[in-house]
Protein backbone atom coordinates (compact mmCIF):
# COMPACT_ATOMS: atom_id res chain seq x y z
CA MET A 1 -11.04 -2.59 -3.89
CA CYS A 2 -8.95 -3.83 -0.98
CA ALA A 3 -9.91 -2.80 2.54
CA SER A 4 -6.92 -0.52 3.22
CA ARG A 5 -7.44 1.29 -0.09
CA SER A 6 -11.13 1.74 0.72
CA VAL A 7 -10.31 3.17 4.14
CA LEU A 8 -7.74 5.60 2.73
CA TYR A 9 -10.20 6.74 0.05
CA TYR A 10 -13.00 7.17 2.58
CA LEU A 11 -10.82 9.13 5.01
CA ALA A 12 -9.37 11.34 2.26
CA VAL A 13 -12.89 12.20 1.07
CA ARG A 14 -14.29 12.57 4.58
CA PHE A 15 -11.56 14.94 5.79
CA GLY A 16 -10.56 16.40 2.41
CA VAL A 17 -6.87 15.74 2.95
CA LEU A 18 -4.74 13.13 4.72
CA VAL A 19 -1.16 13.97 5.61
CA LEU A 20 0.84 10.74 5.82
CA PRO A 21 4.56 10.41 6.57
CA GLY A 22 5.65 10.27 2.91
CA ALA A 23 2.69 11.67 0.98
CA THR A 24 -0.38 13.85 1.15
CA LEU A 25 -3.68 12.41 -0.12
CA TYR A 26 -6.37 14.76 -1.38
CA GLY A 27 -9.91 13.39 -1.53
CA VAL A 28 -11.48 16.72 -2.44
CA TRP A 29 -10.03 19.44 -4.66
CA ASN A 30 -11.20 22.32 -6.85
CA GLY A 31 -12.26 20.95 -10.21
CA LYS A 32 -13.02 17.42 -9.00
CA ASP A 33 -15.78 16.41 -11.38
CA GLY A 34 -18.31 13.60 -11.64
CA ARG A 35 -15.84 11.28 -13.38
CA HIS A 36 -13.39 11.63 -10.49
CA TRP A 37 -16.13 10.82 -7.98
CA GLN A 38 -17.41 7.89 -10.04
CA HIS A 39 -13.94 6.36 -10.32
CA GLU A 40 -13.20 7.11 -6.63
CA GLU A 41 -10.06 9.07 -7.52
CA ILE A 42 -7.79 10.89 -5.12
CA VAL A 43 -4.69 13.01 -5.71
CA VAL A 44 -1.47 11.70 -4.20
CA GLU A 45 1.30 14.24 -3.66
CA PRO A 46 4.56 12.52 -2.63
CA ARG A 47 6.78 14.38 -0.18
CA SER A 48 9.62 11.87 -0.19
CA PRO A 49 11.89 10.81 -3.06
CA THR A 50 11.45 7.17 -2.00
CA VAL A 51 7.67 7.40 -2.10
CA GLU A 52 7.77 9.29 -5.40
CA GLU A 53 9.93 6.57 -7.02
CA ALA A 54 7.61 3.83 -5.73
CA LEU A 55 4.52 5.66 -7.00
CA GLN A 56 6.08 6.18 -10.44
CA ARG A 57 7.00 2.49 -10.65
CA ASP A 58 3.51 1.43 -9.57
CA GLN A 59 1.90 3.87 -12.02
CA GLN A 60 3.83 2.27 -14.88
CA ILE A 61 2.43 -1.11 -13.87
CA VAL A 62 -1.12 0.26 -13.69
CA ASP A 63 -0.74 1.99 -17.06
CA ALA A 64 0.51 -1.23 -18.69
CA PHE A 65 -2.45 -3.12 -17.23
CA ASP A 66 -4.94 -0.53 -18.53
CA GLU A 67 -3.69 -0.79 -22.14
C-alpha cells in the first residue's frame, strides 16, 4: 500500500470520516464487518462530477485487474 493511501485509510478510520474537497471518505460505518476491516476498506462518496468520473474510471481498471 502506498504511503498516501495508508495515511488516508488511517485518518479515515481514526476520525471516522474525512471531508475532502471533492469526496467524503468513511473509515467507520454501520455494518462494517470483519472482512471490511481485514481488507482495510473505506467508503468513498464523491461530491463532484469530476471526482465521480475519475473514481468510476479507476474502479473499472481495478475490476479488470481483479478478474
